Amino acid sequence: MRNKRCAAAAGTAGTLALAHGTLLTRGFTSAGIAASSAGAGMMSSAAIANGGGVAASGLVALLQSAGAAGLSTSIKMTVAFAA
């Protein structure tokens, strides 16, 4: 059973690595949203839709938090829960 959990954790860690890499390439970095990126376009659209501000509970904020959290933290959490 433990081997299955370890394999699942490894698969999940790989998935998180891909997801985190995708966030980084879309402009959601630990330093903030990169200029002229897809993330910047999303942020601009969200700000226009909300009258100039970006909702703290919105998709843009969620993606930025996930991009800023860092890959190692996500992987450590996944492995800890699987063990």
PDB file of N, CA and C in Angstrom:
ATOM      1  N   MET A   1       0.821  -1.195   0.000  1.00  0.00           N
ATOM      2  CA  MET A   1       0.000   0.000   0.000  1.00  0.00           C
ATOM      3  C   MET A   1       0.865   1.258   0.000  1.00  0.00           C
ATOM      4  N   ARG A   2       1.954   1.226   0.782  1.00  0.00           N
ATOM      5  CA  ARG A   2       2.829   2.394   0.865  1.00  0.00           C
ATOM      6  C   ARG A   2       3.466   2.705  -0.498  1.00  0.00           C
ATOM      7  N   ASN A   3       3.828   1.649  -1.261  1.00  0.00           N
ATOM      8  CA  ASN A   3       4.410   1.866  -2.583  1.00  0.00           C
ATOM      9  C   ASN A   3       3.426   2.558  -3.518  1.00  0.00           C
ATOM     10  N   LYS A   4       2.155   2.213  -3.391  1.00  0.00           N
ATOM     11  CA  LYS A   4       1.140   2.858  -4.219  1.00  0.00           C
ATOM     12  C   LYS A   4       1.015   4.330  -3.853  1.00  0.00           C
ATOM     13  N   ARG A   5       1.097   4.633  -2.559  1.00  0.00           N
ATOM     14  CA  ARG A   5       1.027   6.033  -2.129  1.00  0.00           C
ATOM     15  C   ARG A   5       2.224   6.817  -2.634  1.00  0.00           C
ATOM     16  N   CYS A   6       3.397   6.206  -2.568  1.00  0.00           N
ATOM     17  CA  CYS A   6       4.603   6.883  -3.053  1.00  0.00           C
ATOM     18  C   CYS A   6       4.518   7.134  -4.559  1.00  0.00           C
ATOM     19  N   ALA A   7       4.006   6.142  -5.282  1.00  0.00           N
ATOM     20  CA  ALA A   7       3.845   6.314  -6.729  1.00  0.00           C
ATOM     21  C   ALA A   7       2.831   7.410  -7.027  1.00  0.00           C
ATOM     22  N   ALA A   8       1.756   7.437  -6.249  1.00  0.00           N
ATOM     23  CA  ALA A   8       0.750   8.488  -6.443  1.00  0.00           C
ATOM     24  C   ALA A   8       1.331   9.855  -6.130  1.00  0.00           C
ATOM     25  N   ALA A   9       2.133   9.935  -5.073  1.00  0.00           N
ATOM     26  CA  ALA A   9       2.752  11.214  -4.707  1.00  0.00           C
ATOM     27  C   ALA A   9       3.711  11.674  -5.801  1.00  0.00           C
ATOM     28  N   ALA A  10       4.464  10.738  -6.353  1.00  0.00           N
ATOM     29  CA  ALA A  10       5.396  11.087  -7.431  1.00  0.00           C
ATOM     30  C   ALA A  10       4.638  11.580  -8.660  1.00  0.00           C
ATOM     31  N   GLY A  11       3.537  10.910  -8.990  1.00  0.00           N
ATOM     32  CA  GLY A  11       2.724  11.349 -10.122  1.00  0.00           C
ATOM     33  C   GLY A  11       2.110  12.706  -9.885  1.00  0.00           C
ATOM     34  N   THR A  12       1.634  12.929  -8.672  1.00  0.00           N
ATOM     35  CA  THR A  12       1.051  14.227  -8.333  1.00  0.00           C
ATOM     36  C   THR A  12       2.110  15.314  -8.357  1.00  0.00           C
ATOM     37  N   ALA A  13       3.299  14.994  -7.846  1.00  0.00           N
ATOM     38  CA  ALA A  13       4.394  15.972  -7.856  1.00  0.00           C
ATOM     39  C   ALA A  13       4.750  16.357  -9.292  1.00  0.00           C
ATOM     40  N   GLY A  14       4.756  15.372 -10.184  1.00  0.00           N
ATOM     41  CA  GLY A  14       5.026  15.664 -11.595  1.00  0.00           C
ATOM     42  C   GLY A  14       3.950  16.548 -12.202  1.00  0.00           C
ATOM     43  N   THR A  15       2.714  16.278 -11.849  1.00  0.00           N
ATOM     44  CA  THR A  15       1.603  17.099 -12.337  1.00  0.00           C
ATOM     45  C   THR A  15       1.723  18.526 -11.809  1.00  0.00           C
ATOM     46  N   LEU A  16       2.066  18.656 -10.526  1.00  0.00           N
ATOM     47  CA  LEU A  16       2.247  19.993  -9.955  1.00  0.00           C
ATOM     48  C   LEU A  16       3.384  20.736 -10.634  1.00  0.00           C
ATOM     49  N   ALA A  17       4.452  20.013 -10.963  1.00  0.00           N
ATOM     50  CA  ALA A  17       5.579  20.652 -11.648  1.00  0.00           C
ATOM     51  C   ALA A  17       5.140  21.204 -12.998  1.00  0.00           C
ATOM     52  N   LEU A  18       4.340  20.428 -13.722  1.00  0.00           N
ATOM     53  CA  LEU A  18       3.831  20.905 -15.015  1.00  0.00           C
ATOM     54  C   LEU A  18       2.908  22.109 -14.829  1.00  0.00           C
ATOM     55  N   ALA A  19       2.030  22.016 -13.840  1.00  0.00           N
ATOM     56  CA  ALA A  19       1.097  23.116 -13.592  1.00  0.00           C
ATOM     57  C   ALA A  19       1.847  24.376 -13.184  1.00  0.00           C
ATOM     58  N   HIS A  20       2.831  24.224 -12.315  1.00  0.00           N
ATOM     59  CA  HIS A  20       3.582  25.392 -11.875  1.00  0.00           C
ATOM     60  C   HIS A  20       4.367  25.984 -13.038  1.00  0.00           C
ATOM     61  N   GLY A  21       4.946  25.131 -13.866  1.00  0.00           N
ATOM     62  CA  GLY A  21       5.665  25.614 -15.045  1.00  0.00           C
ATOM     63  C   GLY A  21       4.754  26.382 -15.990  1.00  0.00           C
ATOM     64  N   THR A  22       3.530  25.905 -16.128  1.00  0.00           N
ATOM     65  CA  THR A  22       2.561  26.592 -16.979  1.00  0.00           C
ATOM     66  C   THR A  22       2.221  27.965 -16.407  1.00  0.00           C
ATOM     67  N   LEU A  23       2.041  28.041 -15.088  1.00  0.00           N
ATOM     68  CA  LEU A  23       1.762  29.336 -14.462  1.00  0.00           C
ATOM     69  C   LEU A  23       2.907  30.311 -14.704  1.00  0.00           C
ATOM     70  N   LEU A  24       4.135  29.822 -14.565  1.00  0.00           N
ATOM     71  CA  LEU A  24       5.289  30.700 -14.780  1.00  0.00           C
ATOM     72  C   LEU A  24       5.351  31.201 -16.220  1.00  0.00           C
ATOM     73  N   THR A  25       5.096  30.311 -17.175  1.00  0.00           N
ATOM     74  CA  THR A  25       5.162  30.742 -18.571  1.00  0.00           C
ATOM     75  C   THR A  25       4.018  31.680 -18.947  1.00  0.00           C
ATOM     76  N   ARG A  26       2.937  31.653 -18.174  1.00  0.00           N
ATOM     77  CA  ARG A  26       1.808  32.556 -18.418  1.00  0.00           C
ATOM     78  C   ARG A  26       1.963  33.879 -17.675  1.00  0.00           C
ATOM     79  N   GLY A  27       3.066  34.015 -16.925  1.00  0.00           N
ATOM     80  CA  GLY A  27       3.354  35.297 -16.292  1.00  0.00           C
ATOM     81  C   GLY A  27       3.044  35.394 -14.818  1.00  0.00           C
ATOM     82  N   PHE A  28       2.607  34.306 -14.197  1.00  0.00           N
ATOM     83  CA  PHE A  28       2.306  34.314 -12.761  1.00  0.00           C
ATOM     84  C   PHE A  28       3.554  33.865 -12.006  1.00  0.00           C
ATOM     85  N   THR A  29       4.408  34.820 -11.641  1.00  0.00           N
ATOM     86  CA  THR A  29       5.686  34.506 -11.018  1.00  0.00           C
ATOM     87  C   THR A  29       5.691  34.909  -9.543  1.00  0.00           C
ATOM     88  N   SER A  30       6.738  34.511  -8.846  1.00  0.00           N
ATOM     89  CA  SER A  30       6.853  34.864  -7.433  1.00  0.00           C
ATOM     90  C   SER A  30       7.081  36.363  -7.240  1.00  0.00           C
ATOM     91  N   ALA A  31       7.549  37.038  -8.267  1.00  0.00           N
ATOM     92  CA  ALA A  31       7.778  38.481  -8.193  1.00  0.00           C
ATOM     93  C   ALA A  31       6.547  39.296  -8.595  1.00  0.00           C
ATOM     94  N   GLY A  32       5.489  38.609  -9.002  1.00  0.00           N
ATOM     95  CA  GLY A  32       4.278  39.296  -9.444  1.00  0.00           C
ATOM     96  C   GLY A  32       3.935  38.884 -10.860  1.00  0.00           C
ATOM     97  N   ILE A  33       2.947  39.520 -11.413  1.00  0.00           N
ATOM     98  CA  ILE A  33       2.524  39.196 -12.775  1.00  0.00           C
ATOM     99  C   ILE A  33       3.450  39.909 -13.754  1.00  0.00           C
ATOM    100  N   ALA A  34       4.027  39.139 -14.663  1.00  0.00           N
ATOM    101  CA  ALA A  34       4.989  39.682 -15.629  1.00  0.00           C
ATOM    102  C   ALA A  34       4.290  40.571 -16.651  1.00  0.00           C
ATOM    103  N   ALA A  35       4.953  41.660 -16.983  1.00  0.00           N
ATOM    104  CA  ALA A  35       4.410  42.603 -17.971  1.00  0.00           C
ATOM    105  C   ALA A  35       4.257  41.921 -19.334  1.00  0.00           C
ATOM    106  N   SER A  36       3.244  42.293 -20.055  1.00  0.00           N
ATOM    107  CA  SER A  36       2.953  41.798 -21.405  1.00  0.00           C
ATOM    108  C   SER A  36       2.751  40.293 -21.482  1.00  0.00           C
ATOM    109  N   SER A  37       2.343  39.683 -20.390  1.00  0.00           N
ATOM    110  CA  SER A  37       2.103  38.235 -20.378  1.00  0.00           C
ATOM    111  C   SER A  37       0.605  37.955 -20.444  1.00  0.00           C
ATOM    112  N   ALA A  38       0.272  36.685 -20.584  1.00  0.00           N
ATOM    113  CA  ALA A  38      -1.135  36.289 -20.555  1.00  0.00           C
ATOM    114  C   ALA A  38      -1.757  36.662 -19.212  1.00  0.00           C
ATOM    115  N   GLY A  39      -0.984  36.523 -18.144  1.00  0.00           N
ATOM    116  CA  GLY A  39      -1.459  36.902 -16.815  1.00  0.00           C
ATOM    117  C   GLY A  39      -1.769  38.386 -16.719  1.00  0.00           C
ATOM    118  N   ALA A  40      -0.940  39.208 -17.363  1.00  0.00           N
ATOM    119  CA  ALA A  40      -1.183  40.649 -17.366  1.00  0.00           C
ATOM    120  C   ALA A  40      -2.466  40.976 -18.117  1.00  0.00           C
ATOM    121  N   GLY A  41      -2.713  40.254 -19.196  1.00  0.00           N
ATOM    122  CA  GLY A  41      -3.951  40.453 -19.943  1.00  0.00           C
ATOM    123  C   GLY A  41      -5.172  40.059 -19.124  1.00  0.00           C
ATOM    124  N   MET A  42      -5.055  38.954 -18.391  1.00  0.00           N
ATOM    125  CA  MET A  42      -6.157  38.522 -17.523  1.00  0.00           C
ATOM    126  C   MET A  42      -6.402  39.549 -16.427  1.00  0.00           C
ATOM    127  N   MET A  43      -5.308  40.058 -15.856  1.00  0.00           N
ATOM    128  CA  MET A  43      -5.441  41.041 -14.785  1.00  0.00           C
ATOM    129  C   MET A  43      -6.097  42.318 -15.298  1.00  0.00           C
ATOM    130  N   SER A  44      -5.717  42.743 -16.485  1.00  0.00           N
ATOM    131  CA  SER A  44      -6.315  43.930 -17.087  1.00  0.00           C
ATOM    132  C   SER A  44      -7.810  43.738 -17.320  1.00  0.00           C
ATOM    133  N   SER A  45      -8.168  42.582 -17.857  1.00  0.00           N
ATOM    134  CA  SER A  45      -9.595  42.295 -18.105  1.00  0.00           C
ATOM    135  C   SER A  45     -10.383  42.251 -16.800  1.00  0.00           C
ATOM    136  N   ALA A  46      -9.803  41.635 -15.772  1.00  0.00           N
ATOM    137  CA  ALA A  46     -10.480  41.555 -14.478  1.00  0.00           C
ATOM    138  C   ALA A  46     -10.651  42.942 -13.872  1.00  0.00           C
ATOM    139  N   ALA A  47      -9.631  43.783 -14.003  1.00  0.00           N
ATOM    140  CA  ALA A  47      -9.715  45.141 -13.458  1.00  0.00           C
ATOM    141  C   ALA A  47     -10.783  45.958 -14.181  1.00  0.00           C
ATOM    142  N   ILE A  48     -10.859  45.840 -15.486  1.00  0.00           N
ATOM    143  CA  ILE A  48     -11.883  46.559 -16.259  1.00  0.00           C
ATOM    144  C   ILE A  48     -13.278  46.086 -15.854  1.00  0.00           C
ATOM    145  N   ALA A  49     -13.427  44.770 -15.710  1.00  0.00           N
ATOM    146  CA  ALA A  49     -14.737  44.207 -15.349  1.00  0.00           C
ATOM    147  C   ALA A  49     -15.175  44.600 -13.942  1.00  0.00           C
ATOM    148  N   ASN A  50     -14.202  44.838 -13.064  1.00  0.00           N
ATOM    149  CA  ASN A  50     -14.512  45.161 -11.669  1.00  0.00           C
ATOM    150  C   ASN A  50     -14.385  46.647 -11.354  1.00  0.00           C
ATOM    151  N   GLY A  51     -14.383  47.476 -12.358  1.00  0.00           N
ATOM    152  CA  GLY A  51     -14.333  48.907 -12.126  1.00  0.00           C
ATOM    153  C   GLY A  51     -12.979  49.431 -11.667  1.00  0.00           C
ATOM    154  N   GLY A  52     -11.898  48.746 -12.026  1.00  0.00           N
ATOM    155  CA  GLY A  52     -10.559  49.247 -11.729  1.00  0.00           C
ATOM    156  C   GLY A  52      -9.770  48.429 -10.734  1.00  0.00           C
ATOM    157  N   GLY A  53     -10.388  47.507 -10.040  1.00  0.00           N
ATOM    158  CA  GLY A  53      -9.675  46.680  -9.071  1.00  0.00           C
ATOM    159  C   GLY A  53      -9.764  45.214  -9.424  1.00  0.00           C
ATOM    160  N   VAL A  54      -8.859  44.441  -8.877  1.00  0.00           N
ATOM    161  CA  VAL A  54      -8.873  42.995  -9.085  1.00  0.00           C
ATOM    162  C   VAL A  54      -9.347  42.354  -7.786  1.00  0.00           C
ATOM    163  N   ALA A  55     -10.381  41.555  -7.872  1.00  0.00           N
ATOM    164  CA  ALA A  55     -10.960  40.926  -6.682  1.00  0.00           C
ATOM    165  C   ALA A  55      -9.960  39.989  -6.015  1.00  0.00           C
ATOM    166  N   ALA A  56      -9.827  40.105  -4.703  1.00  0.00           N
ATOM    167  CA  ALA A  56      -8.894  39.262  -3.956  1.00  0.00           C
ATOM    168  C   ALA A  56      -9.276  37.791  -4.015  1.00  0.00           C
ATOM    169  N   SER A  57     -10.535  37.497  -4.255  1.00  0.00           N
ATOM    170  CA  SER A  57     -10.978  36.105  -4.311  1.00  0.00           C
ATOM    171  C   SER A  57     -11.178  35.622  -5.744  1.00  0.00           C
ATOM    172  N   GLY A  58     -10.712  36.378  -6.707  1.00  0.00           N
ATOM    173  CA  GLY A  58     -10.925  36.036  -8.104  1.00  0.00           C
ATOM    174  C   GLY A  58      -9.881  35.083  -8.667  1.00  0.00           C
ATOM    175  N   LEU A  59     -10.093  34.678  -9.909  1.00  0.00           N
ATOM    176  CA  LEU A  59      -9.218  33.726 -10.576  1.00  0.00           C
ATOM    177  C   LEU A  59      -7.800  34.274 -10.724  1.00  0.00           C
ATOM    178  N   VAL A  60      -7.661  35.527 -11.078  1.00  0.00           N
ATOM    179  CA  VAL A  60      -6.328  36.116 -11.259  1.00  0.00           C
ATOM    180  C   VAL A  60      -5.551  36.053  -9.943  1.00  0.00           C
ATOM    181  N   ALA A  61      -6.194  36.395  -8.841  1.00  0.00           N
ATOM    182  CA  ALA A  61      -5.535  36.354  -7.533  1.00  0.00           C
ATOM    183  C   ALA A  61      -5.164  34.923  -7.156  1.00  0.00           C
ATOM    184  N   LEU A  62      -6.034  33.981  -7.448  1.00  0.00           N
ATOM    185  CA  LEU A  62      -5.764  32.578  -7.157  1.00  0.00           C
ATOM    186  C   LEU A  62      -4.555  32.082  -7.943  1.00  0.00           C
ATOM    187  N   LEU A  63      -4.519  32.386  -9.233  1.00  0.00           N
ATOM    188  CA  LEU A  63      -3.398  31.949 -10.065  1.00  0.00           C
ATOM    189  C   LEU A  63      -2.100  32.609  -9.631  1.00  0.00           C
ATOM    190  N   GLN A  64      -2.158  33.884  -9.261  1.00  0.00           N
ATOM    191  CA  GLN A  64      -0.963  34.566  -8.792  1.00  0.00           C
ATOM    192  C   GLN A  64      -0.450  33.942  -7.498  1.00  0.00           C
ATOM    193  N   SER A  65      -1.341  33.605  -6.603  1.00  0.00           N
ATOM    194  CA  SER A  65      -0.944  32.956  -5.356  1.00  0.00           C
ATOM    195  C   SER A  65      -0.290  31.607  -5.632  1.00  0.00           C
ATOM    196  N   ALA A  66      -0.869  30.856  -6.545  1.00  0.00           N
ATOM    197  CA  ALA A  66      -0.313  29.549  -6.888  1.00  0.00           C
ATOM    198  C   ALA A  66       1.058  29.692  -7.545  1.00  0.00           C
ATOM    199  N   GLY A  67       1.220  30.691  -8.395  1.00  0.00           N
ATOM    200  CA  GLY A  67       2.513  30.922  -9.033  1.00  0.00           C
ATOM    201  C   GLY A  67       3.568  31.379  -8.049  1.00  0.00           C
ATOM    202  N   ALA A  68       3.158  32.161  -7.073  1.00  0.00           N
ATOM    203  CA  ALA A  68       4.094  32.691  -6.089  1.00  0.00           C
ATOM    204  C   ALA A  68       4.427  31.684  -5.000  1.00  0.00           C
ATOM    205  N   ALA A  69       3.563  30.684  -4.797  1.00  0.00           N
ATOM    206  CA  ALA A  69       3.772  29.726  -3.708  1.00  0.00           C
ATOM    207  C   ALA A  69       5.060  28.942  -3.884  1.00  0.00           C
ATOM    208  N   GLY A  70       5.442  28.713  -5.091  1.00  0.00           N
ATOM    209  CA  GLY A  70       6.672  27.964  -5.331  1.00  0.00           C
ATOM    210  C   GLY A  70       6.411  26.481  -5.484  1.00  0.00           C
ATOM    211  N   LEU A  71       7.135  25.885  -6.361  1.00  0.00           N
ATOM    212  CA  LEU A  71       6.972  24.474  -6.670  1.00  0.00           C
ATOM    213  C   LEU A  71       7.379  23.595  -5.500  1.00  0.00           C
ATOM    214  N   SER A  72       8.451  23.910  -4.833  1.00  0.00           N
ATOM    215  CA  SER A  72       8.934  23.030  -3.771  1.00  0.00           C
ATOM    216  C   SER A  72       7.919  22.909  -2.644  1.00  0.00           C
ATOM    217  N   THR A  73       7.237  23.976  -2.306  1.00  0.00           N
ATOM    218  CA  THR A  73       6.220  23.924  -1.258  1.00  0.00           C
ATOM    219  C   THR A  73       5.091  22.992  -1.658  1.00  0.00           C
ATOM    220  N   SER A  74       4.638  23.084  -2.888  1.00  0.00           N
ATOM    221  CA  SER A  74       3.551  22.232  -3.371  1.00  0.00           C
ATOM    222  C   SER A  74       3.946  20.769  -3.351  1.00  0.00           C
ATOM    223  N   ILE A  75       5.157  20.475  -3.782  1.00  0.00           N
ATOM    224  CA  ILE A  75       5.619  19.089  -3.818  1.00  0.00           C
ATOM    225  C   ILE A  75       5.777  18.551  -2.396  1.00  0.00           C
ATOM    226  N   LYS A  76       6.344  19.340  -1.505  1.00  0.00           N
ATOM    227  CA  LYS A  76       6.511  18.891  -0.119  1.00  0.00           C
ATOM    228  C   LYS A  76       5.164  18.571   0.515  1.00  0.00           C
ATOM    229  N   MET A  77       4.166  19.393   0.264  1.00  0.00           N
ATOM    230  CA  MET A  77       2.844  19.156   0.822  1.00  0.00           C
ATOM    231  C   MET A  77       2.241  17.868   0.263  1.00  0.00           C
ATOM    232  N   THR A  78       2.398  17.653  -1.025  1.00  0.00           N
ATOM    233  CA  THR A  78       1.850  16.455  -1.658  1.00  0.00           C
ATOM    234  C   THR A  78       2.502  15.198  -1.092  1.00  0.00           C
ATOM    235  N   VAL A  79       3.819  15.204  -0.993  1.00  0.00           N
ATOM    236  CA  VAL A  79       4.529  14.034  -0.474  1.00  0.00           C
ATOM    237  C   VAL A  79       4.163  13.804   0.994  1.00  0.00           C
ATOM    238  N   ALA A  80       4.027  14.868   1.765  1.00  0.00           N
ATOM    239  CA  ALA A  80       3.677  14.730   3.178  1.00  0.00           C
ATOM    240  C   ALA A  80       2.296  14.098   3.356  1.00  0.00           C
ATOM    241  N   PHE A  81       1.350  14.481   2.526  1.00  0.00           N
ATOM    242  CA  PHE A  81       0.000  13.922   2.632  1.00  0.00           C
ATOM    243  C   PHE A  81      -0.051  12.474   2.157  1.00  0.00           C
ATOM    244  N   ALA A  82       0.818  12.098   1.231  1.00  0.00           N
ATOM    245  CA  ALA A  82       0.806  10.745   0.692  1.00  0.00           C
ATOM    246  C   ALA A  82       1.520   9.756   1.606  1.00  0.00           C
ATOM    247  N   ALA A  83       2.411  10.235   2.431  1.00  0.00           N
ATOM    248  CA  ALA A  83       3.222   9.327   3.278  1.00  0.00           C
ATOM    249  C   ALA A  83       2.424   8.712   4.400  1.00  0.00           C
TER     250      ALA A  83
END
